[in-house]
Protein backbone atom coordinates (compact mmCIF):
# COMPACT_ATOMS: atom_id res chain seq x y z
CA GLU A 1 0.11 0.16 0.08
CA VAL A 2 3.10 2.51 0.69
CA ARG A 3 4.52 1.84 -2.60
CA GLU A 4 0.95 2.74 -4.24
CA TYR A 5 1.12 6.02 -2.46
CA LEU A 6 4.71 6.55 -3.67
CA LEU A 7 4.15 5.78 -7.03
CA GLU A 8 1.28 8.02 -7.28
CA LYS A 9 2.84 10.96 -5.22
CA TRP A 10 6.23 11.15 -7.13
CA GLY A 11 4.59 10.66 -10.63
CA ARG A 12 5.68 6.92 -11.14
CA THR A 13 9.44 8.64 -12.06
CA CYS A 14 12.81 8.36 -10.40
CA ALA A 15 12.85 11.52 -7.62
CA TYR A 16 16.33 12.15 -8.33
CA CYS A 17 17.27 11.97 -12.44
CA GLY A 18 12.93 11.96 -13.78
CA ALA A 19 13.60 8.20 -15.32
CA LYS A 20 10.86 6.24 -16.44
CA PRO A 21 9.15 3.51 -17.02
CA VAL A 22 11.88 2.21 -15.53
CA PRO A 23 11.75 -0.83 -12.47
CA LEU A 24 11.39 1.81 -9.43
CA GLU A 25 12.48 1.15 -5.21
CA VAL A 26 11.94 2.31 -2.19
CA GLU A 27 14.32 5.31 -1.34
CA HIS A 28 14.64 6.85 2.05
CA ILE A 29 15.79 10.04 2.20
CA GLN A 30 16.98 10.60 5.14
CA PRO A 31 18.93 7.16 5.67
CA ARG A 32 17.84 5.00 8.28
CA SER A 33 21.60 4.38 9.41
CA LYS A 34 21.33 8.56 10.19
CA GLY A 35 18.18 8.89 11.91
CA GLY A 36 15.75 8.34 9.64
CA SER A 37 12.45 6.92 9.71
CA ASP A 38 10.07 4.96 7.82
CA ARG A 39 7.14 7.48 7.52
CA VAL A 40 6.02 8.17 4.33
CA SER A 41 7.35 11.74 4.37
CA ASN A 42 11.03 10.42 4.38
CA LEU A 43 10.32 8.54 1.61
CA THR A 44 10.38 8.94 -2.36
CA ILE A 45 10.77 6.43 -4.56
CA ALA A 46 14.23 6.47 -7.23
CA CYS A 47 15.54 4.07 -10.10
CA HIS A 48 18.26 1.47 -8.90
CA SER A 49 21.08 3.32 -10.50
CA CYS A 50 20.48 6.69 -8.13
CA ASN A 51 19.19 4.00 -4.91
CA GLN A 52 22.94 2.81 -5.29
CA ALA A 53 24.52 5.99 -6.11
CA LYS A 54 22.70 7.41 -3.01
CA GLY A 55 23.10 4.70 -0.96
CA ASN A 56 23.05 6.30 2.88
CA GLY A 57 24.96 9.65 2.14
CA ASP A 58 23.15 12.87 2.75
CA ILE A 59 20.82 13.53 0.64
CA ARG A 60 22.24 17.32 0.44
CA ASP A 61 25.88 15.74 -0.48
CA PHE A 62 24.33 13.31 -3.25
CA LEU A 63 22.30 16.62 -4.57
CA SER A 64 25.04 19.44 -3.91
CA GLY A 65 25.41 20.12 -8.10
CA GLN A 66 21.59 20.10 -8.04
CA PRO A 67 19.99 22.83 -5.91
CA ASP A 68 16.14 22.47 -7.88
CA VAL A 69 16.10 19.52 -7.39
CA LEU A 70 16.89 19.08 -3.78
CA SER A 71 14.51 21.93 -3.25
CA ARG A 72 11.60 20.42 -5.17
CA LEU A 73 12.63 16.95 -3.72
CA LEU A 74 12.37 18.49 0.10
CA ARG A 75 9.00 20.37 -0.48
CA GLN A 76 7.43 17.80 -2.07
CA ALA A 77 8.17 15.03 0.42
CA LYS A 78 6.55 17.04 3.08
CA SER A 79 3.28 17.60 1.08
CA PRO A 80 0.26 14.79 1.18
CA LEU A 81 -1.56 13.76 -1.64
CA ASN A 82 -4.58 16.53 -1.63
CA ASP A 83 -7.07 14.17 -2.65
CA ALA A 84 -5.98 11.72 -0.34
CA ALA A 85 -5.77 13.92 2.73
CA ALA A 86 -9.59 15.36 1.64
CA VAL A 87 -10.47 11.57 1.24
CA ASN A 88 -8.92 10.65 4.39
CA SER A 89 -10.51 13.69 6.40
CA THR A 90 -13.94 12.63 5.48
CA ARG A 91 -13.44 8.93 5.60
CA TRP A 92 -12.17 9.35 9.17
CA ALA A 93 -14.83 11.63 10.75
CA LEU A 94 -17.51 8.98 8.81
CA PHE A 95 -15.95 6.28 10.57
CA LYS A 96 -15.66 8.07 14.24
CA ALA A 97 -19.91 8.61 13.57
CA LEU A 98 -20.48 5.18 13.02
CA LYS A 99 -18.18 4.12 15.41
CA ALA A 100 -20.17 5.91 18.05
CA THR A 101 -23.66 4.17 17.08
CA GLY A 102 -21.99 1.03 19.02
CA LEU A 103 -21.87 -1.37 15.68
CA ARG A 104 -19.31 -2.92 14.75
CA VAL A 105 -17.00 -1.15 11.71
CA THR A 106 -14.31 -2.19 9.88
CA THR A 107 -12.24 -0.36 7.51
CA GLY A 108 -10.47 -1.25 4.26
CA THR A 109 -8.58 0.41 1.95
CA ALA A 110 -7.13 1.17 -1.48
CA GLY A 111 -4.19 -0.62 -1.44
CA GLN A 112 -6.00 -3.41 -0.05
CA THR A 113 -8.37 -3.97 -2.88
CA LYS A 114 -5.88 -3.96 -5.44
CA PHE A 115 -4.06 -6.92 -4.03
CA ASN A 116 -7.03 -8.53 -3.82
CA ARG A 117 -7.43 -8.00 -7.35
CA LEU A 118 -4.35 -9.02 -8.50
CA ARG A 119 -4.12 -11.64 -6.21
CA LEU A 120 -7.53 -13.41 -8.15
CA ASN A 121 -6.48 -12.36 -11.09
CA LEU A 122 -9.49 -10.08 -12.12
CA PRO A 123 -9.92 -7.04 -14.38
CA LYS A 124 -10.10 -3.30 -13.42
CA ALA A 125 -13.44 -2.46 -13.07
CA HIS A 126 -15.61 -0.25 -10.40
CA TRP A 127 -17.49 -3.11 -9.70
CA LEU A 128 -14.67 -5.85 -9.17
CA ASP A 129 -13.05 -3.38 -7.12
CA ALA A 130 -15.94 -2.73 -4.93
CA ALA A 131 -16.48 -6.48 -4.89
CA CYS A 132 -12.52 -6.65 -3.61
CA VAL A 133 -12.84 -4.36 -0.87
CA GLY A 134 -12.05 -5.68 3.04
CA ASP A 135 -10.74 -9.10 3.67
CA VAL A 136 -11.62 -11.32 0.69
CA GLU A 137 -10.22 -14.57 0.75
CA SER A 138 -11.97 -15.67 -2.89
CA LEU A 139 -15.16 -14.80 -5.19
CA ASP A 140 -17.50 -16.72 -7.23
CA ILE A 141 -17.64 -14.01 -9.96
CA VAL A 142 -21.25 -15.52 -11.65
CA THR A 143 -21.93 -12.34 -14.28
CA SER A 144 -20.00 -10.69 -16.60
CA LYS A 145 -22.59 -7.74 -16.86
CA PRO A 146 -23.59 -6.39 -13.50
CA LEU A 147 -26.65 -4.26 -12.67
CA LEU A 148 -25.91 -1.24 -13.48
CA ILE A 149 -27.37 1.84 -11.23
CA LEU A 150 -27.80 5.33 -11.28
CA ALA A 151 -29.69 7.75 -8.98
CA LYS A 152 -31.82 9.71 -10.95
CA GLY A 153 -34.09 11.69 -8.49
CA HIS A 154 -37.73 12.13 -8.57
CA GLY A 155 -38.26 14.13 -11.11
CA THR A 156 -38.72 18.18 -11.43
CA ARG A 157 -41.03 20.07 -8.74
CA ARG A 158 -41.94 22.51 -11.72
CA MET A 159 -45.92 22.32 -12.12
CA CYS A 160 -45.41 24.58 -15.29
CA GLY A 161 -43.31 23.76 -18.66
CA THR A 162 -42.02 26.83 -20.71
CA ASN A 163 -40.97 27.66 -24.15
CA LYS A 164 -37.35 29.25 -24.55
CA TYR A 165 -38.34 32.57 -24.33
CA GLY A 166 -40.02 32.15 -20.64
CA PHE A 167 -44.02 31.98 -21.72
CA PRO A 168 -45.33 28.55 -20.59
CA THR A 169 -46.62 26.16 -22.96
CA ARG A 170 -47.67 23.48 -20.84
CA HIS A 171 -48.89 22.51 -17.10
CA ARG A 172 -48.64 19.24 -15.19
CA SER A 173 -51.36 17.66 -13.67
CA ARG A 174 -51.20 17.36 -9.78
CA LYS A 175 -52.02 13.61 -10.35
CA GLN A 176 -49.02 11.46 -10.38
CA ILE A 177 -50.83 7.98 -11.01
CA HIS A 178 -52.80 6.81 -13.80
CA LYS A 179 -54.49 3.10 -14.14
CA GLY A 180 -52.16 2.26 -11.11
CA PHE A 181 -49.24 3.14 -12.61
CA GLN A 182 -46.42 5.91 -12.02
CA THR A 183 -43.91 7.72 -14.85
CA GLY A 184 -40.64 5.70 -14.18
CA ASP A 185 -42.42 2.67 -13.36
CA ILE A 186 -40.57 -0.34 -14.73
CA VAL A 187 -43.18 -3.10 -16.49
CA THR A 188 -43.93 -5.35 -19.21
CA ALA A 189 -46.01 -5.47 -21.46
CA THR A 190 -47.54 -8.28 -23.83
CA VAL A 191 -49.27 -6.89 -26.53
CA THR A 192 -51.68 -9.63 -27.94
CA ALA A 193 -54.04 -6.69 -30.51
CA GLY A 194 -53.52 -4.17 -33.11
CA LYS A 195 -50.27 -2.74 -34.62
CA LYS A 196 -48.03 -3.20 -31.46
CA ILE A 197 -48.29 -6.52 -30.86
CA GLY A 198 -45.26 -8.09 -29.04
CA SER A 199 -43.69 -8.06 -25.62
CA TYR A 200 -41.71 -4.79 -24.22
CA VAL A 201 -39.90 -4.11 -21.17
CA GLY A 202 -39.03 -0.62 -19.81
CA ARG A 203 -40.26 2.23 -18.20
CA VAL A 204 -43.34 3.61 -18.71
CA LEU A 205 -44.03 7.09 -19.64
CA CYS A 206 -48.25 7.31 -18.39
CA ARG A 207 -50.96 9.63 -19.33
CA ALA A 208 -54.75 10.37 -17.86
CA SER A 209 -56.04 8.82 -21.08
CA GLY A 210 -54.36 5.24 -20.61
CA SER A 211 -52.25 5.04 -23.23
CA PHE A 212 -49.04 5.17 -22.44
CA ASP A 213 -45.71 5.30 -24.03
CA MET A 214 -42.40 3.00 -22.97
CA THR A 215 -38.84 3.23 -22.94
CA THR A 216 -36.90 0.13 -23.92
CA ALA A 217 -33.72 -1.05 -24.43
CA SER A 218 -33.97 -0.58 -28.54
CA GLY A 219 -35.93 2.53 -28.47
CA ARG A 220 -39.52 4.34 -27.41
CA VAL A 221 -42.60 2.70 -27.86
CA THR A 222 -45.69 4.76 -28.40
CA GLY A 223 -48.91 4.11 -28.09
CA ILE A 224 -49.20 0.94 -25.18
CA ASN A 225 -52.94 0.50 -23.80
CA HIS A 226 -52.29 0.45 -19.68
CA LYS A 227 -54.48 -2.88 -19.92
CA TYR A 228 -51.26 -4.84 -21.13
CA CYS A 229 -48.95 -3.47 -18.51
CA GLN A 230 -47.76 -5.30 -15.58
CA PRO A 231 -45.33 -3.54 -13.15
CA ILE A 232 -41.74 -5.41 -12.27
CA HIS A 233 -40.19 -2.02 -10.17
CA ARG A 234 -42.23 0.85 -9.16
CA LYS A 235 -40.58 4.27 -9.64
CA ASP A 236 -37.87 4.99 -6.45
CA GLY A 237 -35.73 7.37 -7.97
CA TYR A 238 -32.95 5.38 -9.36
CA ALA A 239 -32.37 3.78 -12.58
CA TYR A 240 -31.20 0.61 -14.01
CA ALA A 241 -29.15 -0.93 -16.82
């Protein structure tokens, strides 16, 4: 985990000569033999040649002929990753709030997640990363198409639609449920008569007349009678794909 942090912080380049992409090694800025610690503020990454050339010597002696590099290195060593610092502050505030409830709370790290994913030989994907969080011994992957969930909200509170000049063009009814259905419900419709014969699955757009439109994976279907519709999932503010 420390290696991953250092690679990100130092841009995956040698802190001394700027070489990349080459194998990089964890390097103590102030050698441990001279009182240096293992804190990340005293660690950097260096190529093998620079690491061997510096050895356990003082960083100021090693970079005596490169004052700009020395100044940049010391300054960068003390500064944390801004994004990581912000996320950590939020994470620990949330952790303390959850601990205060008396519930059992555990934490994981991004380094641990990546370790689990690589150990299990899984490709990089958000849904697989989510499955690799925490203490994971093994995973039984039963699908290659995870359910994607997107927060969409519950629509707008506007009761009046306007044109580009701001003049009202349409008004929304206060009644949201028509024939037992609400716009946004996921339904299945098996049409047995008329021009729309077939089976459809998708989100429904309701009208007071009972003639609904459906948004399916293959496009929008208009004029579906409510009598052919059966609810699968009621509107809840989320989109599923």
